[in-house]
Amino acid sequence: MERQQDGYIVHEGCDHIFFVGFLGAGKSTLARNLGQLFHRSYVDTDRMAERLVCKSVSEVFEEDGEDAFRRLEERVLRRLMHRKSLLVSCGGGIVERPESCALMHEMGTVVFLDGDLEDSLRQIQHPEKRPDLGSRDEALSLYAHRRPLYEREADLSIDIRGKTFEQVTSEAGQLLWEKGLL
């Protein structure tokens, strides 16, 4: 639901924009850039999860396992239910749990940053902080597994192949503005 106020669109209720995509797709950079451009708050589900349990993502994976981390992501999403108009950078595996996907759709719009594995691997500066990445073959397998999940959950997709962060930000901003989401 939207209403006009002093020439601006004011969104009613929970209307977050969730950015999903493979590791290194630039979800956090995009959320931050759009937040600055459109004066919207942005959050990162991985950072929120780390603060919630006082552990890094890697430590949670190592000490508690991936399933525990996926449940933690769901807890983080639930904490966003009473907030408005956030730009949310999601961890690459958030689409693994149907419960998390349902929460994202309930609270807003899911935007898939659609890129190649090569683009993602090139952007990852600290692979040791990406516990589910593994070797190149494991990354390829993970990408092949997750890509259909991203496509299935996406309300909108943005092709990021071969584009700079500035180009992706511009394209995303234009698309989201045209859709009345920003």
C-alpha atoms as a PDB file:
ATOM      1  CA  MET A   1       0.000   0.000   0.000  1.00  0.00           C
ATOM      2  CA  GLU A   2       1.329   3.438  -0.922  1.00  0.00           C
ATOM      3  CA  ARG A   3       0.198   6.985  -0.330  1.00  0.00           C
ATOM      4  CA  GLN A   4       1.474  10.368  -1.485  1.00  0.00           C
ATOM      5  CA  GLN A   5       2.998  12.796   1.013  1.00  0.00           C
ATOM      6  CA  ASP A   6       4.638  16.050  -0.080  1.00  0.00           C
ATOM      7  CA  GLY A   7       5.490  14.640  -3.511  1.00  0.00           C
ATOM      8  CA  TYR A   8       7.045  11.437  -2.152  1.00  0.00           C
ATOM      9  CA  ILE A   9       5.702   7.925  -2.127  1.00  0.00           C
ATOM     10  CA  VAL A  10       5.283   6.713   1.432  1.00  0.00           C
ATOM     11  CA  HIS A  11       5.198   2.949   1.746  1.00  0.00           C
ATOM     12  CA  GLU A  12       2.879   1.381   4.278  1.00  0.00           C
ATOM     13  CA  GLY A  13       3.743  -1.771   6.194  1.00  0.00           C
ATOM     14  CA  CYS A  14       6.763  -4.003   5.762  1.00  0.00           C
ATOM     15  CA  ASP A  15       8.198  -3.376   2.301  1.00  0.00           C
ATOM     16  CA  HIS A  16      11.795  -4.519   2.368  1.00  0.00           C
ATOM     17  CA  ILE A  17      13.869  -5.244  -0.718  1.00  0.00           C
ATOM     18  CA  PHE A  18      15.904  -8.446  -0.312  1.00  0.00           C
ATOM     19  CA  PHE A  19      18.968  -8.885  -2.504  1.00  0.00           C
ATOM     20  CA  VAL A  20      19.862 -12.527  -3.129  1.00  0.00           C
ATOM     21  CA  GLY A  21      22.537 -14.116  -5.264  1.00  0.00           C
ATOM     22  CA  PHE A  22      25.682 -16.162  -5.133  1.00  0.00           C
ATOM     23  CA  LEU A  23      28.642 -15.343  -2.913  1.00  0.00           C
ATOM     24  CA  GLY A  24      30.496 -12.297  -4.203  1.00  0.00           C
ATOM     25  CA  ALA A  25      27.597 -11.040  -6.355  1.00  0.00           C
ATOM     26  CA  GLY A  26      27.806  -7.616  -4.704  1.00  0.00           C
ATOM     27  CA  LYS A  27      24.620  -7.747  -2.640  1.00  0.00           C
ATOM     28  CA  SER A  28      26.069  -5.781   0.296  1.00  0.00           C
ATOM     29  CA  THR A  29      27.652  -3.175  -1.967  1.00  0.00           C
ATOM     30  CA  LEU A  30      24.393  -2.714  -3.862  1.00  0.00           C
ATOM     31  CA  ALA A  31      22.301  -2.377  -0.690  1.00  0.00           C
ATOM     32  CA  ARG A  32      24.752   0.162   0.718  1.00  0.00           C
ATOM     33  CA  ASN A  33      24.963   2.148  -2.555  1.00  0.00           C
ATOM     34  CA  LEU A  34      21.177   2.249  -3.032  1.00  0.00           C
ATOM     35  CA  GLY A  35      20.712   3.127   0.629  1.00  0.00           C
ATOM     36  CA  GLN A  36      22.960   6.138   0.245  1.00  0.00           C
ATOM     37  CA  LEU A  37      21.348   7.222  -3.033  1.00  0.00           C
ATOM     38  CA  PHE A  38      17.743   6.836  -1.894  1.00  0.00           C
ATOM     39  CA  HIS A  39      18.169   7.586   1.817  1.00  0.00           C
ATOM     40  CA  ARG A  40      17.028   4.125   2.872  1.00  0.00           C
ATOM     41  CA  SER A  41      18.440   2.036   5.670  1.00  0.00           C
ATOM     42  CA  TYR A  42      20.308  -1.102   4.691  1.00  0.00           C
ATOM     43  CA  VAL A  43      21.257  -4.223   6.621  1.00  0.00           C
ATOM     44  CA  ASP A  44      23.266  -7.360   5.994  1.00  0.00           C
ATOM     45  CA  THR A  45      21.816 -10.633   7.290  1.00  0.00           C
ATOM     46  CA  ASP A  46      25.270 -12.177   7.802  1.00  0.00           C
ATOM     47  CA  ARG A  47      26.428  -9.246   9.968  1.00  0.00           C
ATOM     48  CA  MET A  48      23.167  -9.338  11.926  1.00  0.00           C
ATOM     49  CA  ALA A  49      23.594 -13.082  12.526  1.00  0.00           C
ATOM     50  CA  GLU A  50      27.163 -12.554  13.722  1.00  0.00           C
ATOM     51  CA  ARG A  51      26.043  -9.905  16.205  1.00  0.00           C
ATOM     52  CA  LEU A  52      23.186 -12.070  17.429  1.00  0.00           C
ATOM     53  CA  VAL A  53      25.453 -14.959  18.468  1.00  0.00           C
ATOM     54  CA  CYS A  54      28.764 -13.093  18.903  1.00  0.00           C
ATOM     55  CA  LYS A  55      30.469 -15.389  16.392  1.00  0.00           C
ATOM     56  CA  SER A  56      31.600 -15.012  12.802  1.00  0.00           C
ATOM     57  CA  VAL A  57      29.736 -16.868  10.066  1.00  0.00           C
ATOM     58  CA  SER A  58      32.771 -19.136   9.724  1.00  0.00           C
ATOM     59  CA  GLU A  59      32.723 -19.932  13.444  1.00  0.00           C
ATOM     60  CA  VAL A  60      29.022 -20.785  13.360  1.00  0.00           C
ATOM     61  CA  PHE A  61      29.584 -23.114  10.393  1.00  0.00           C
ATOM     62  CA  GLU A  62      32.599 -24.735  12.045  1.00  0.00           C
ATOM     63  CA  GLU A  63      31.224 -25.061  15.589  1.00  0.00           C
ATOM     64  CA  ASP A  64      27.485 -25.507  15.028  1.00  0.00           C
ATOM     65  CA  GLY A  65      27.076 -26.567  11.394  1.00  0.00           C
ATOM     66  CA  GLU A  66      25.343 -25.155   8.355  1.00  0.00           C
ATOM     67  CA  ASP A  67      21.856 -26.116   9.496  1.00  0.00           C
ATOM     68  CA  ALA A  68      22.324 -24.078  12.683  1.00  0.00           C
ATOM     69  CA  PHE A  69      23.401 -21.108  10.585  1.00  0.00           C
ATOM     70  CA  ARG A  70      20.348 -21.428   8.305  1.00  0.00           C
ATOM     71  CA  ARG A  71      18.085 -21.418  11.382  1.00  0.00           C
ATOM     72  CA  LEU A  72      19.959 -18.349  12.615  1.00  0.00           C
ATOM     73  CA  GLU A  73      19.300 -16.596   9.280  1.00  0.00           C
ATOM     74  CA  GLU A  74      15.608 -17.284   9.750  1.00  0.00           C
ATOM     75  CA  ARG A  75      15.755 -15.712  13.239  1.00  0.00           C
ATOM     76  CA  VAL A  76      17.433 -12.661  11.726  1.00  0.00           C
ATOM     77  CA  LEU A  77      14.684 -12.334   9.104  1.00  0.00           C
ATOM     78  CA  ARG A  78      12.004 -12.543  11.786  1.00  0.00           C
ATOM     79  CA  ARG A  79      13.658  -9.603  13.550  1.00  0.00           C
ATOM     80  CA  LEU A  80      13.065  -7.502  10.430  1.00  0.00           C
ATOM     81  CA  MET A  81       9.295  -8.013  10.448  1.00  0.00           C
ATOM     82  CA  HIS A  82       8.542  -4.912  12.495  1.00  0.00           C
ATOM     83  CA  ARG A  83      10.786  -2.576  10.523  1.00  0.00           C
ATOM     84  CA  LYS A  84      10.009  -0.719   7.304  1.00  0.00           C
ATOM     85  CA  SER A  85      11.637  -0.063   3.963  1.00  0.00           C
ATOM     86  CA  LEU A  86      14.984  -1.781   4.486  1.00  0.00           C
ATOM     87  CA  LEU A  87      17.421  -2.749   1.756  1.00  0.00           C
ATOM     88  CA  VAL A  88      18.526  -6.204   2.877  1.00  0.00           C
ATOM     89  CA  SER A  89      21.691  -7.899   1.681  1.00  0.00           C
ATOM     90  CA  CYS A  90      21.146 -11.617   2.207  1.00  0.00           C
ATOM     91  CA  GLY A  91      23.726 -14.338   2.631  1.00  0.00           C
ATOM     92  CA  GLY A  92      24.241 -16.478  -0.461  1.00  0.00           C
ATOM     93  CA  GLY A  93      22.529 -19.501   1.074  1.00  0.00           C
ATOM     94  CA  ILE A  94      19.428 -17.825   2.470  1.00  0.00           C
ATOM     95  CA  VAL A  95      17.382 -19.478  -0.295  1.00  0.00           C
ATOM     96  CA  GLU A  96      18.241 -22.929   1.092  1.00  0.00           C
ATOM     97  CA  ARG A  97      15.393 -22.861   3.658  1.00  0.00           C
ATOM     98  CA  PRO A  98      11.792 -22.564   2.451  1.00  0.00           C
ATOM     99  CA  GLU A  99      10.932 -20.844   5.730  1.00  0.00           C
ATOM    100  CA  SER A 100      13.391 -18.040   5.013  1.00  0.00           C
ATOM    101  CA  CYS A 101      12.104 -17.665   1.462  1.00  0.00           C
ATOM    102  CA  ALA A 102       8.510 -17.433   2.693  1.00  0.00           C
ATOM    103  CA  LEU A 103       9.514 -14.746   5.202  1.00  0.00           C
ATOM    104  CA  MET A 104      11.242 -12.666   2.530  1.00  0.00           C
ATOM    105  CA  HIS A 105       8.192 -12.811   0.257  1.00  0.00           C
ATOM    106  CA  GLU A 106       5.901 -11.964   3.167  1.00  0.00           C
ATOM    107  CA  MET A 107       7.968  -8.889   4.004  1.00  0.00           C
ATOM    108  CA  GLY A 108       8.811  -7.520   0.579  1.00  0.00           C
ATOM    109  CA  THR A 109      10.397  -8.057  -2.809  1.00  0.00           C
ATOM    110  CA  VAL A 110      13.206 -10.498  -3.633  1.00  0.00           C
ATOM    111  CA  VAL A 111      15.749  -9.284  -6.193  1.00  0.00           C
ATOM    112  CA  PHE A 112      18.190 -11.805  -7.693  1.00  0.00           C
ATOM    113  CA  LEU A 113      21.602 -10.462  -8.712  1.00  0.00           C
ATOM    114  CA  ASP A 114      22.204 -12.824 -11.595  1.00  0.00           C
ATOM    115  CA  GLY A 115      25.854 -13.334 -12.431  1.00  0.00           C
ATOM    116  CA  ASP A 116      28.347 -15.956 -13.488  1.00  0.00           C
ATOM    117  CA  LEU A 117      30.399 -18.016 -11.080  1.00  0.00           C
ATOM    118  CA  GLU A 118      33.560 -16.447 -12.532  1.00  0.00           C
ATOM    119  CA  ASP A 119      32.349 -12.944 -11.666  1.00  0.00           C
ATOM    120  CA  SER A 120      31.588 -14.035  -8.120  1.00  0.00           C
ATOM    121  CA  LEU A 121      34.919 -15.754  -7.573  1.00  0.00           C
ATOM    122  CA  ARG A 122      36.758 -12.688  -8.864  1.00  0.00           C
ATOM    123  CA  GLN A 123      34.961 -10.439  -6.335  1.00  0.00           C
ATOM    124  CA  ILE A 124      35.589 -12.595  -3.264  1.00  0.00           C
ATOM    125  CA  GLN A 125      38.539 -11.009  -1.494  1.00  0.00           C
ATOM    126  CA  HIS A 126      38.581 -13.299   1.556  1.00  0.00           C
ATOM    127  CA  PRO A 127      37.540 -16.822   0.522  1.00  0.00           C
ATOM    128  CA  GLU A 128      38.553 -18.099   3.962  1.00  0.00           C
ATOM    129  CA  LYS A 129      35.573 -16.150   5.373  1.00  0.00           C
ATOM    130  CA  ARG A 130      33.183 -18.007   3.058  1.00  0.00           C
ATOM    131  CA  PRO A 131      32.720 -21.346   4.806  1.00  0.00           C
ATOM    132  CA  ASP A 132      30.351 -22.824   2.222  1.00  0.00           C
ATOM    133  CA  LEU A 133      32.518 -21.921  -0.782  1.00  0.00           C
ATOM    134  CA  GLY A 134      35.145 -24.682  -0.569  1.00  0.00           C
ATOM    135  CA  SER A 135      37.317 -25.605  -3.546  1.00  0.00           C
ATOM    136  CA  ARG A 136      36.646 -24.432  -7.098  1.00  0.00           C
ATOM    137  CA  ASP A 137      34.799 -27.689  -7.894  1.00  0.00           C
ATOM    138  CA  GLU A 138      32.743 -27.347  -4.702  1.00  0.00           C
ATOM    139  CA  ALA A 139      31.943 -23.727  -5.600  1.00  0.00           C
ATOM    140  CA  LEU A 140      30.804 -24.821  -9.066  1.00  0.00           C
ATOM    141  CA  SER A 141      28.580 -27.503  -7.558  1.00  0.00           C
ATOM    142  CA  LEU A 142      27.146 -25.051  -5.019  1.00  0.00           C
ATOM    143  CA  TYR A 143      26.478 -22.495  -7.741  1.00  0.00           C
ATOM    144  CA  ALA A 144      24.700 -25.115  -9.875  1.00  0.00           C
ATOM    145  CA  HIS A 145      22.588 -26.111  -6.860  1.00  0.00           C
ATOM    146  CA  ARG A 146      21.646 -22.576  -5.787  1.00  0.00           C
ATOM    147  CA  ARG A 147      21.037 -20.896  -9.145  1.00  0.00           C
ATOM    148  CA  PRO A 148      17.602 -22.512  -9.644  1.00  0.00           C
ATOM    149  CA  LEU A 149      16.695 -21.553  -6.061  1.00  0.00           C
ATOM    150  CA  TYR A 150      17.528 -17.896  -6.736  1.00  0.00           C
ATOM    151  CA  GLU A 151      15.555 -17.979  -9.981  1.00  0.00           C
ATOM    152  CA  ARG A 152      12.560 -19.588  -8.285  1.00  0.00           C
ATOM    153  CA  GLU A 153      12.444 -17.054  -5.452  1.00  0.00           C
ATOM    154  CA  ALA A 154      13.152 -13.924  -7.514  1.00  0.00           C
ATOM    155  CA  ASP A 155      10.426 -11.353  -7.959  1.00  0.00           C
ATOM    156  CA  LEU A 156      12.909  -9.382 -10.071  1.00  0.00           C
ATOM    157  CA  SER A 157      16.287 -10.230 -11.600  1.00  0.00           C
ATOM    158  CA  ILE A 158      19.188  -7.972 -12.495  1.00  0.00           C
ATOM    159  CA  ASP A 159      21.882  -9.256 -14.829  1.00  0.00           C
ATOM    160  CA  ILE A 160      25.219  -8.245 -13.282  1.00  0.00           C
ATOM    161  CA  ARG A 161      27.524 -10.022 -15.750  1.00  0.00           C
ATOM    162  CA  GLY A 162      30.485  -7.884 -16.766  1.00  0.00           C
ATOM    163  CA  LYS A 163      29.122  -4.758 -15.072  1.00  0.00           C
ATOM    164  CA  THR A 164      30.743  -2.445 -12.562  1.00  0.00           C
ATOM    165  CA  PHE A 165      29.167  -1.827  -9.150  1.00  0.00           C
ATOM    166  CA  GLU A 166      28.193   1.634 -10.394  1.00  0.00           C
ATOM    167  CA  GLN A 167      26.413   0.187 -13.434  1.00  0.00           C
ATOM    168  CA  VAL A 168      24.569  -2.383 -11.312  1.00  0.00           C
ATOM    169  CA  THR A 169      23.569   0.307  -8.810  1.00  0.00           C
ATOM    170  CA  SER A 170      22.252   2.550 -11.581  1.00  0.00           C
ATOM    171  CA  GLU A 171      20.311  -0.256 -13.276  1.00  0.00           C
ATOM    172  CA  ALA A 172      18.898  -1.563  -9.990  1.00  0.00           C
ATOM    173  CA  GLY A 173      17.925   1.915  -8.837  1.00  0.00           C
ATOM    174  CA  GLN A 174      16.127   2.631 -12.089  1.00  0.00           C
ATOM    175  CA  LEU A 175      14.284  -0.704 -12.093  1.00  0.00           C
ATOM    176  CA  LEU A 176      13.241  -0.468  -8.438  1.00  0.00           C
ATOM    177  CA  TRP A 177      12.191   3.168  -8.849  1.00  0.00           C
ATOM    178  CA  GLU A 178      10.082   2.313 -11.932  1.00  0.00           C
ATOM    179  CA  LYS A 179       8.408  -0.505  -9.987  1.00  0.00           C
ATOM    180  CA  GLY A 180       7.570   1.912  -7.166  1.00  0.00           C
ATOM    181  CA  LEU A 181       9.783   0.074  -4.688  1.00  0.00           C
ATOM    182  CA  LEU A 182      12.201   2.936  -3.942  1.00  0.00           C
END
